[in-house]
N, C-alpha and C. Protein backbone atom coordinates (compact mmCIF):
# COMPACT_ATOMS: atom_id res chain seq x y z
N UNK A 1 0.85 -1.18 0.00
CA UNK A 1 0.00 0.00 0.00
C UNK A 1 0.89 1.24 0.00
N UNK A 2 0.55 2.17 -0.86
CA UNK A 2 1.32 3.41 -0.96
C UNK A 2 0.82 4.41 0.09
N UNK A 3 1.78 5.05 0.76
CA UNK A 3 1.44 6.02 1.80
C UNK A 3 1.85 7.41 1.33
N UNK A 4 0.85 8.31 1.27
CA UNK A 4 1.08 9.68 0.82
C UNK A 4 1.10 10.63 2.02
N UNK A 5 1.93 11.65 1.91
CA UNK A 5 2.01 12.69 2.94
C UNK A 5 1.65 14.03 2.32
N UNK A 6 0.73 14.74 2.96
CA UNK A 6 0.38 16.10 2.54
C UNK A 6 0.88 17.06 3.61
N UNK A 7 1.81 17.93 3.22
CA UNK A 7 2.37 18.95 4.10
C UNK A 7 1.64 20.25 3.77
N UNK A 8 0.78 20.68 4.68
CA UNK A 8 -0.11 21.80 4.41
C UNK A 8 0.50 23.13 4.90
N UNK A 9 0.76 24.02 3.97
CA UNK A 9 1.05 25.44 4.21
C UNK A 9 2.12 25.73 5.27
N UNK A 10 3.17 24.96 5.28
CA UNK A 10 4.26 25.22 6.24
C UNK A 10 5.12 26.38 5.72
N UNK A 11 4.48 27.51 5.55
CA UNK A 11 5.11 28.70 4.97
C UNK A 11 5.52 29.68 6.06
N UNK A 12 6.50 30.50 5.72
CA UNK A 12 7.05 31.46 6.67
C UNK A 12 5.95 32.31 7.32
N UNK A 13 5.02 32.82 6.54
CA UNK A 13 3.98 33.68 7.12
C UNK A 13 3.13 32.98 8.17
N UNK A 14 2.99 31.65 8.09
CA UNK A 14 2.21 30.90 9.07
C UNK A 14 3.06 30.37 10.21
N UNK A 15 4.37 30.32 10.02
CA UNK A 15 5.24 29.80 11.07
C UNK A 15 5.74 30.94 11.95
N UNK A 16 6.46 31.89 11.34
CA UNK A 16 7.01 32.99 12.16
C UNK A 16 6.86 34.35 11.48
N UNK A 17 5.93 34.43 10.53
CA UNK A 17 5.71 35.67 9.81
C UNK A 17 4.41 36.34 10.23
N UNK A 18 3.72 36.92 9.27
CA UNK A 18 2.54 37.75 9.51
C UNK A 18 1.47 37.07 10.37
N UNK A 19 1.27 35.77 10.20
CA UNK A 19 0.26 35.03 10.97
C UNK A 19 0.89 33.90 11.78
N UNK A 20 2.18 33.99 12.03
CA UNK A 20 2.89 32.94 12.76
C UNK A 20 2.47 32.86 14.22
N UNK A 21 2.69 31.68 14.79
CA UNK A 21 2.39 31.46 16.22
C UNK A 21 3.51 30.63 16.84
N UNK A 22 3.60 30.69 18.14
CA UNK A 22 4.60 29.87 18.83
C UNK A 22 4.28 28.39 18.66
N UNK A 23 3.00 28.05 18.53
CA UNK A 23 2.60 26.66 18.32
C UNK A 23 3.08 26.16 16.95
N UNK A 24 2.96 27.00 15.93
CA UNK A 24 3.43 26.62 14.59
C UNK A 24 4.94 26.45 14.59
N UNK A 25 5.64 27.35 15.26
CA UNK A 25 7.09 27.23 15.35
C UNK A 25 7.48 25.94 16.07
N UNK A 26 6.71 25.57 17.08
CA UNK A 26 7.03 24.39 17.88
C UNK A 26 6.88 23.08 17.11
N UNK A 27 6.02 23.03 16.08
CA UNK A 27 5.83 21.77 15.36
C UNK A 27 6.83 21.57 14.22
N UNK A 28 7.62 22.58 13.90
CA UNK A 28 8.56 22.45 12.78
C UNK A 28 9.47 21.22 12.91
N UNK A 29 10.09 20.95 14.06
CA UNK A 29 10.94 19.75 14.14
C UNK A 29 10.17 18.45 13.88
N UNK A 30 8.94 18.35 14.35
CA UNK A 30 8.13 17.15 14.10
C UNK A 30 7.77 17.02 12.62
N UNK A 31 7.51 18.14 11.98
CA UNK A 31 7.21 18.14 10.55
C UNK A 31 8.44 17.68 9.76
N UNK A 32 9.60 18.21 10.12
CA UNK A 32 10.85 17.81 9.46
C UNK A 32 11.07 16.31 9.62
N UNK A 33 10.86 15.79 10.82
CA UNK A 33 11.04 14.35 11.07
C UNK A 33 10.06 13.54 10.24
N UNK A 34 8.81 13.97 10.18
CA UNK A 34 7.79 13.25 9.41
C UNK A 34 8.16 13.21 7.92
N UNK A 35 8.65 14.29 7.39
CA UNK A 35 9.06 14.34 5.98
C UNK A 35 10.12 13.27 5.71
N UNK A 36 11.01 13.06 6.67
CA UNK A 36 12.09 12.08 6.48
C UNK A 36 11.57 10.66 6.34
N UNK A 37 10.34 10.41 6.74
CA UNK A 37 9.76 9.07 6.72
C UNK A 37 9.11 8.70 5.39
N UNK A 38 9.03 9.65 4.46
CA UNK A 38 8.33 9.43 3.19
C UNK A 38 9.27 9.61 2.01
N UNK A 39 8.99 8.87 0.93
CA UNK A 39 9.71 9.04 -0.32
C UNK A 39 9.25 10.34 -1.00
N UNK A 40 10.14 10.96 -1.73
CA UNK A 40 9.83 12.24 -2.37
C UNK A 40 8.57 12.16 -3.23
N UNK A 41 8.43 11.09 -4.00
CA UNK A 41 7.28 11.00 -4.92
C UNK A 41 5.96 10.82 -4.18
N UNK A 42 6.01 10.60 -2.88
CA UNK A 42 4.79 10.44 -2.08
C UNK A 42 4.46 11.67 -1.25
N UNK A 43 5.18 12.77 -1.48
CA UNK A 43 4.98 13.99 -0.70
C UNK A 43 4.31 15.06 -1.56
N UNK A 44 3.26 15.63 -1.00
CA UNK A 44 2.55 16.76 -1.61
C UNK A 44 2.69 17.93 -0.65
N UNK A 45 3.07 19.09 -1.16
CA UNK A 45 3.27 20.28 -0.34
C UNK A 45 2.33 21.37 -0.86
N UNK A 46 1.44 21.85 0.01
CA UNK A 46 0.57 22.95 -0.43
C UNK A 46 1.17 24.28 0.01
N UNK A 47 0.88 25.29 -0.82
CA UNK A 47 1.29 26.65 -0.50
C UNK A 47 0.06 27.56 -0.64
N UNK A 48 -0.31 28.20 0.44
CA UNK A 48 -1.33 29.24 0.40
C UNK A 48 -0.76 30.31 -0.54
N UNK A 49 -1.51 30.68 -1.56
CA UNK A 49 -0.96 31.56 -2.58
C UNK A 49 -1.94 32.67 -2.91
N UNK A 50 -1.56 33.88 -2.52
CA UNK A 50 -2.38 35.06 -2.80
C UNK A 50 -1.64 36.01 -3.73
N UNK A 51 -2.40 36.93 -4.29
CA UNK A 51 -1.84 37.92 -5.21
C UNK A 51 -1.87 39.29 -4.54
N UNK A 52 -1.33 40.27 -5.22
CA UNK A 52 -1.21 41.62 -4.65
C UNK A 52 -2.58 42.24 -4.33
N UNK A 53 -3.65 41.74 -4.92
CA UNK A 53 -5.00 42.27 -4.65
C UNK A 53 -5.67 41.57 -3.47
N UNK A 54 -4.90 40.85 -2.66
CA UNK A 54 -5.46 40.05 -1.56
C UNK A 54 -6.45 40.83 -0.71
N UNK A 55 -6.12 42.04 -0.34
CA UNK A 55 -6.98 42.79 0.59
C UNK A 55 -8.36 43.10 0.00
N UNK A 56 -8.51 43.01 -1.32
CA UNK A 56 -9.82 43.26 -1.94
C UNK A 56 -10.61 41.97 -2.16
N UNK A 57 -10.03 40.82 -1.83
CA UNK A 57 -10.74 39.55 -1.99
C UNK A 57 -11.65 39.29 -0.79
N UNK A 58 -12.54 38.34 -0.92
CA UNK A 58 -13.43 37.99 0.20
C UNK A 58 -12.61 37.59 1.42
N UNK A 59 -11.58 36.75 1.21
CA UNK A 59 -10.75 36.34 2.34
C UNK A 59 -10.06 37.54 2.96
N UNK A 60 -9.52 38.42 2.13
CA UNK A 60 -8.81 39.60 2.62
C UNK A 60 -9.70 40.53 3.42
N UNK A 61 -10.96 40.60 3.05
CA UNK A 61 -11.90 41.44 3.79
C UNK A 61 -12.25 40.82 5.15
N UNK A 62 -12.21 39.48 5.23
CA UNK A 62 -12.52 38.79 6.47
C UNK A 62 -11.29 38.54 7.33
N UNK A 63 -10.12 38.48 6.70
CA UNK A 63 -8.85 38.32 7.40
C UNK A 63 -7.89 39.37 6.82
N UNK A 64 -8.03 40.62 7.31
CA UNK A 64 -7.26 41.71 6.72
C UNK A 64 -5.79 41.76 7.17
N UNK A 65 -5.10 40.65 6.94
CA UNK A 65 -3.66 40.56 7.20
C UNK A 65 -3.03 40.02 5.92
N UNK A 66 -2.31 40.88 5.22
CA UNK A 66 -1.68 40.43 3.99
C UNK A 66 -0.67 39.33 4.31
N UNK A 67 -0.78 38.21 3.60
CA UNK A 67 0.10 37.07 3.85
C UNK A 67 0.21 36.20 2.61
N UNK A 68 1.29 35.46 2.53
CA UNK A 68 1.52 34.47 1.48
C UNK A 68 1.28 35.03 0.07
N UNK A 69 1.79 36.25 -0.15
CA UNK A 69 1.71 36.84 -1.48
C UNK A 69 2.75 36.13 -2.34
N UNK A 70 2.29 35.55 -3.45
CA UNK A 70 3.15 34.72 -4.29
C UNK A 70 4.48 35.40 -4.60
N UNK A 71 5.55 34.66 -4.32
CA UNK A 71 6.89 35.15 -4.58
C UNK A 71 7.52 35.91 -3.42
N UNK A 72 6.72 36.29 -2.42
CA UNK A 72 7.25 37.04 -1.28
C UNK A 72 8.00 36.11 -0.33
N UNK A 73 8.74 36.68 0.59
CA UNK A 73 9.46 35.88 1.59
C UNK A 73 8.46 35.07 2.43
N UNK A 74 7.34 35.67 2.81
CA UNK A 74 6.34 34.99 3.62
C UNK A 74 5.66 33.83 2.92
N UNK A 75 5.67 33.84 1.58
CA UNK A 75 5.06 32.76 0.79
C UNK A 75 5.95 31.52 0.75
N UNK A 76 7.24 31.71 0.98
CA UNK A 76 8.20 30.60 0.89
C UNK A 76 7.94 29.59 2.02
N UNK A 77 8.26 28.34 1.74
CA UNK A 77 8.19 27.29 2.76
C UNK A 77 9.21 27.62 3.85
N UNK A 78 8.85 27.39 5.12
CA UNK A 78 9.77 27.59 6.24
C UNK A 78 11.13 26.98 5.89
N UNK A 79 12.20 27.67 6.23
CA UNK A 79 13.55 27.27 5.82
C UNK A 79 13.91 25.85 6.27
N UNK A 80 13.59 25.48 7.51
CA UNK A 80 13.92 24.14 8.00
C UNK A 80 13.12 23.06 7.27
N UNK A 81 11.86 23.36 7.00
CA UNK A 81 11.01 22.42 6.29
C UNK A 81 11.50 22.28 4.85
N UNK A 82 11.82 23.40 4.20
CA UNK A 82 12.31 23.34 2.82
C UNK A 82 13.63 22.58 2.73
N UNK A 83 14.48 22.76 3.73
CA UNK A 83 15.75 22.03 3.76
C UNK A 83 15.48 20.52 3.82
N UNK A 84 14.52 20.12 4.63
CA UNK A 84 14.16 18.70 4.73
C UNK A 84 13.62 18.18 3.40
N UNK A 85 12.81 18.98 2.74
CA UNK A 85 12.26 18.58 1.43
C UNK A 85 13.37 18.48 0.40
N UNK A 86 14.24 19.48 0.37
CA UNK A 86 15.33 19.51 -0.61
C UNK A 86 16.34 18.39 -0.40
N UNK A 87 16.45 17.89 0.84
CA UNK A 87 17.42 16.84 1.13
C UNK A 87 16.94 15.45 0.71
N UNK A 88 15.67 15.34 0.31
CA UNK A 88 15.13 14.04 -0.10
C UNK A 88 15.80 13.58 -1.39
N UNK A 89 16.08 12.30 -1.45
CA UNK A 89 16.54 11.72 -2.70
C UNK A 89 15.43 11.93 -3.72
N UNK A 90 15.78 12.41 -4.89
CA UNK A 90 14.81 12.72 -5.95
C UNK A 90 13.80 13.78 -5.50
N UNK A 91 14.29 14.82 -4.86
CA UNK A 91 13.43 15.91 -4.36
C UNK A 91 12.59 16.53 -5.48
N UNK A 92 13.05 16.42 -6.71
CA UNK A 92 12.29 16.99 -7.83
C UNK A 92 10.97 16.25 -8.06
N UNK A 93 10.76 15.12 -7.40
CA UNK A 93 9.52 14.36 -7.54
C UNK A 93 8.45 14.79 -6.53
N UNK A 94 8.81 15.69 -5.61
CA UNK A 94 7.83 16.23 -4.66
C UNK A 94 6.83 17.07 -5.45
N UNK A 95 5.56 16.94 -5.14
CA UNK A 95 4.52 17.71 -5.82
C UNK A 95 4.15 18.93 -4.98
N UNK A 96 4.31 20.12 -5.57
CA UNK A 96 3.90 21.37 -4.92
C UNK A 96 2.58 21.82 -5.54
N UNK A 97 1.66 22.21 -4.68
CA UNK A 97 0.34 22.65 -5.14
C UNK A 97 0.09 24.04 -4.55
N UNK A 98 0.01 25.04 -5.42
CA UNK A 98 -0.36 26.39 -4.98
C UNK A 98 -1.87 26.45 -4.94
N UNK A 99 -2.40 26.98 -3.84
CA UNK A 99 -3.85 27.03 -3.68
C UNK A 99 -4.29 28.44 -3.29
N UNK A 100 -5.28 28.99 -3.97
CA UNK A 100 -5.72 30.35 -3.69
C UNK A 100 -6.68 30.47 -2.51
N UNK A 101 -7.06 29.34 -1.94
CA UNK A 101 -8.00 29.35 -0.83
C UNK A 101 -7.66 28.20 0.12
N UNK A 102 -8.50 27.97 1.10
CA UNK A 102 -8.20 27.04 2.19
C UNK A 102 -7.95 25.61 1.72
N UNK A 103 -8.89 25.07 0.96
CA UNK A 103 -8.77 23.71 0.46
C UNK A 103 -8.44 23.70 -1.01
N UNK A 104 -7.81 22.65 -1.48
CA UNK A 104 -7.40 22.56 -2.88
C UNK A 104 -8.09 21.40 -3.58
N UNK A 105 -8.96 21.72 -4.52
CA UNK A 105 -9.57 20.67 -5.33
C UNK A 105 -8.53 20.04 -6.26
N UNK A 106 -7.52 20.79 -6.63
CA UNK A 106 -6.43 20.25 -7.46
C UNK A 106 -5.69 19.16 -6.69
N UNK A 107 -5.38 19.42 -5.43
CA UNK A 107 -4.72 18.42 -4.59
C UNK A 107 -5.60 17.17 -4.48
N UNK A 108 -6.87 17.36 -4.18
CA UNK A 108 -7.79 16.22 -4.04
C UNK A 108 -7.85 15.41 -5.33
N UNK A 109 -7.86 16.09 -6.48
CA UNK A 109 -7.90 15.39 -7.77
C UNK A 109 -6.63 14.60 -8.01
N UNK A 110 -5.47 15.18 -7.67
CA UNK A 110 -4.19 14.47 -7.86
C UNK A 110 -4.16 13.19 -7.03
N UNK A 111 -4.63 13.29 -5.80
CA UNK A 111 -4.64 12.12 -4.92
C UNK A 111 -5.67 11.10 -5.40
N UNK A 112 -6.80 11.59 -5.88
CA UNK A 112 -7.84 10.70 -6.42
C UNK A 112 -7.31 9.93 -7.63
N UNK A 113 -6.52 10.58 -8.48
CA UNK A 113 -5.93 9.92 -9.65
C UNK A 113 -5.01 8.77 -9.21
N UNK A 114 -4.23 9.00 -8.17
CA UNK A 114 -3.34 7.94 -7.66
C UNK A 114 -4.17 6.79 -7.10
N UNK A 115 -5.21 7.13 -6.34
CA UNK A 115 -6.06 6.11 -5.73
C UNK A 115 -6.79 5.25 -6.76
N UNK A 116 -6.99 5.79 -7.96
CA UNK A 116 -7.65 5.03 -9.02
C UNK A 116 -6.74 3.92 -9.55
N UNK A 117 -5.44 4.05 -9.31
CA UNK A 117 -4.46 3.10 -9.84
C UNK A 117 -3.90 2.15 -8.79
N UNK A 118 -3.92 2.58 -7.52
CA UNK A 118 -3.33 1.74 -6.48
C UNK A 118 -3.94 2.07 -5.13
N UNK A 119 -3.79 1.15 -4.20
CA UNK A 119 -4.31 1.34 -2.85
C UNK A 119 -3.41 2.32 -2.09
N UNK A 120 -4.02 3.30 -1.42
CA UNK A 120 -3.25 4.33 -0.72
C UNK A 120 -3.82 4.61 0.66
N UNK A 121 -2.98 5.27 1.47
CA UNK A 121 -3.42 5.97 2.68
C UNK A 121 -2.88 7.39 2.54
N UNK A 122 -3.50 8.31 3.24
CA UNK A 122 -3.09 9.71 3.17
C UNK A 122 -2.92 10.25 4.58
N UNK A 123 -1.78 10.86 4.85
CA UNK A 123 -1.53 11.51 6.13
C UNK A 123 -1.35 13.00 5.88
N UNK A 124 -2.00 13.83 6.70
CA UNK A 124 -1.85 15.28 6.59
C UNK A 124 -1.18 15.83 7.83
N UNK A 125 -0.33 16.82 7.59
CA UNK A 125 0.34 17.57 8.66
C UNK A 125 0.40 19.02 8.22
N UNK A 126 0.64 19.93 9.17
CA UNK A 126 0.83 21.33 8.80
C UNK A 126 -0.03 22.31 9.57
N UNK A 127 -0.22 23.45 8.95
CA UNK A 127 -0.95 24.56 9.56
C UNK A 127 -1.95 25.15 8.57
N UNK A 128 -2.90 25.79 9.02
CA UNK A 128 -3.45 25.81 10.37
C UNK A 128 -4.47 24.69 10.48
N UNK A 129 -4.40 23.94 11.56
CA UNK A 129 -5.26 22.77 11.74
C UNK A 129 -6.72 23.11 11.48
N UNK A 130 -7.15 24.26 12.00
CA UNK A 130 -8.56 24.64 11.97
C UNK A 130 -8.99 25.35 10.70
N UNK A 131 -8.09 25.54 9.76
CA UNK A 131 -8.47 26.20 8.50
C UNK A 131 -8.06 25.31 7.32
N UNK A 132 -6.80 25.32 6.98
CA UNK A 132 -6.36 24.63 5.76
C UNK A 132 -6.18 23.13 5.93
N UNK A 133 -5.73 22.67 7.09
CA UNK A 133 -5.59 21.22 7.28
C UNK A 133 -6.96 20.57 7.24
N UNK A 134 -7.91 21.08 8.01
CA UNK A 134 -9.24 20.49 8.04
C UNK A 134 -9.91 20.59 6.67
N UNK A 135 -9.74 21.71 5.97
CA UNK A 135 -10.36 21.87 4.65
C UNK A 135 -9.85 20.82 3.67
N UNK A 136 -8.55 20.62 3.64
CA UNK A 136 -7.98 19.64 2.71
C UNK A 136 -8.31 18.21 3.13
N UNK A 137 -8.29 17.93 4.41
CA UNK A 137 -8.63 16.58 4.88
C UNK A 137 -10.06 16.22 4.48
N UNK A 138 -10.98 17.16 4.66
CA UNK A 138 -12.38 16.89 4.33
C UNK A 138 -12.60 16.79 2.82
N UNK A 139 -11.89 17.59 2.03
CA UNK A 139 -11.99 17.46 0.57
C UNK A 139 -11.50 16.09 0.10
N UNK A 140 -10.38 15.66 0.64
CA UNK A 140 -9.85 14.34 0.26
C UNK A 140 -10.81 13.24 0.71
N UNK A 141 -11.33 13.35 1.92
CA UNK A 141 -12.28 12.36 2.44
C UNK A 141 -13.55 12.33 1.59
N UNK A 142 -14.04 13.49 1.17
CA UNK A 142 -15.24 13.53 0.34
C UNK A 142 -15.01 12.86 -1.01
N UNK A 143 -13.82 12.98 -1.55
CA UNK A 143 -13.48 12.38 -2.83
C UNK A 143 -13.11 10.90 -2.72
N UNK A 144 -12.61 10.50 -1.55
CA UNK A 144 -12.13 9.13 -1.36
C UNK A 144 -12.63 8.58 -0.02
N UNK A 145 -13.94 8.36 0.09
CA UNK A 145 -14.50 7.97 1.39
C UNK A 145 -14.00 6.63 1.94
N UNK A 146 -13.46 5.76 1.09
CA UNK A 146 -12.98 4.46 1.56
C UNK A 146 -11.47 4.42 1.82
N UNK A 147 -10.79 5.53 1.59
CA UNK A 147 -9.34 5.60 1.82
C UNK A 147 -9.09 6.03 3.26
N UNK A 148 -8.10 5.40 3.91
CA UNK A 148 -7.75 5.81 5.26
C UNK A 148 -7.01 7.14 5.18
N UNK A 149 -7.57 8.11 5.87
CA UNK A 149 -6.98 9.45 5.94
C UNK A 149 -6.71 9.73 7.40
N UNK A 150 -5.51 10.21 7.71
CA UNK A 150 -5.18 10.52 9.09
C UNK A 150 -4.47 11.86 9.17
N UNK A 151 -4.50 12.42 10.36
CA UNK A 151 -3.83 13.67 10.67
C UNK A 151 -2.98 13.43 11.91
N UNK A 152 -1.71 13.80 11.81
CA UNK A 152 -0.82 13.68 12.97
C UNK A 152 -0.91 14.98 13.76
N UNK A 153 -1.59 14.93 14.89
CA UNK A 153 -1.84 16.14 15.68
C UNK A 153 -0.56 16.77 16.20
N UNK A 154 0.50 15.98 16.37
CA UNK A 154 1.77 16.52 16.86
C UNK A 154 2.53 17.29 15.77
N UNK A 155 2.06 17.17 14.54
CA UNK A 155 2.69 17.86 13.41
C UNK A 155 1.78 18.94 12.85
N UNK A 156 0.83 19.39 13.65
CA UNK A 156 -0.11 20.43 13.25
C UNK A 156 -0.21 21.49 14.33
N UNK A 157 -0.58 22.68 13.92
CA UNK A 157 -0.86 23.77 14.86
C UNK A 157 -2.03 24.58 14.32
N UNK A 158 -2.91 24.95 15.22
CA UNK A 158 -4.05 25.77 14.84
C UNK A 158 -3.79 27.24 15.11
N UNK A 159 -4.77 28.05 14.78
CA UNK A 159 -4.68 29.48 15.05
C UNK A 159 -4.51 29.71 16.55
N UNK A 160 -5.22 28.88 17.33
CA UNK A 160 -5.05 28.85 18.78
C UNK A 160 -5.07 27.38 19.20
N UNK A 161 -4.57 27.06 20.39
CA UNK A 161 -4.65 25.66 20.85
C UNK A 161 -6.09 25.14 20.91
N UNK A 162 -7.04 25.99 21.32
CA UNK A 162 -8.43 25.55 21.38
C UNK A 162 -9.00 25.25 20.00
N UNK A 163 -8.67 26.07 19.01
CA UNK A 163 -9.16 25.83 17.65
C UNK A 163 -8.50 24.59 17.05
N UNK A 164 -7.25 24.36 17.38
CA UNK A 164 -6.55 23.14 16.95
C UNK A 164 -7.31 21.91 17.46
N UNK A 165 -7.62 21.92 18.75
CA UNK A 165 -8.33 20.79 19.37
C UNK A 165 -9.72 20.61 18.74
N UNK A 166 -10.44 21.71 18.51
CA UNK A 166 -11.78 21.63 17.92
C UNK A 166 -11.72 21.06 16.50
N UNK A 167 -10.70 21.45 15.72
CA UNK A 167 -10.56 20.93 14.35
C UNK A 167 -10.27 19.43 14.37
N UNK A 168 -9.42 19.01 15.30
CA UNK A 168 -9.13 17.58 15.42
C UNK A 168 -10.40 16.80 15.75
N UNK A 169 -11.22 17.34 16.65
CA UNK A 169 -12.48 16.69 17.00
C UNK A 169 -13.42 16.61 15.80
N UNK A 170 -13.48 17.69 15.03
CA UNK A 170 -14.32 17.71 13.84
C UNK A 170 -13.87 16.65 12.84
N UNK A 171 -12.56 16.59 12.58
CA UNK A 171 -12.05 15.59 11.64
C UNK A 171 -12.31 14.18 12.15
N UNK A 172 -12.12 13.97 13.43
CA UNK A 172 -12.40 12.66 14.01
C UNK A 172 -13.85 12.27 13.82
N UNK A 173 -14.75 13.22 13.96
CA UNK A 173 -16.17 12.96 13.76
C UNK A 173 -16.48 12.56 12.32
N UNK A 174 -15.62 13.00 11.40
CA UNK A 174 -15.80 12.70 9.97
C UNK A 174 -14.98 11.48 9.55
N UNK A 175 -14.58 10.67 10.50
CA UNK A 175 -13.86 9.42 10.27
C UNK A 175 -12.48 9.61 9.66
N UNK A 176 -11.85 10.72 10.02
CA UNK A 176 -10.46 10.94 9.71
C UNK A 176 -9.71 10.56 10.99
N UNK A 177 -8.75 9.66 10.88
CA UNK A 177 -8.02 9.19 12.06
C UNK A 177 -7.09 10.26 12.58
N UNK A 178 -7.09 10.46 13.88
CA UNK A 178 -6.19 11.42 14.52
C UNK A 178 -5.14 10.63 15.26
N UNK A 179 -3.88 10.89 14.93
CA UNK A 179 -2.78 10.17 15.60
C UNK A 179 -1.92 11.17 16.37
């Protein structure tokens, strides 16, 4: 069985930038360790990707903090996480998915295509548990209801510890395994 890893939005702006938290900074070593456990071709990395007009978008009006503007320093993957990704044998086989919103239908489709050819499991890690991790986990689950999907809570951080816990409970209620 093929095991896929989805590394959600481990970008500078969410770790120690515009929307960073001490909780996000604290999970970086666990994320780096988890990456070491997977082959490059089994790793998917999402990047929250906004444009210069972010503040005029619906999200920008509801979260008026400019972040993850494509090409900016804050849009880049956290340096330690990127180093772990780059150190993988055949790192060029890692799939990067830029997403303009919380969940990525492109990511779900890519994973669905793999599942059509072979048996898989999917593990998600990253930030923010209560926004982008939960959105992507539920999209994948909706597309692949019979595939085992899990979230490693020690490799995730929410906007707050309480929101992290609530998101984990929500995913658990939707038959996503929490480890």
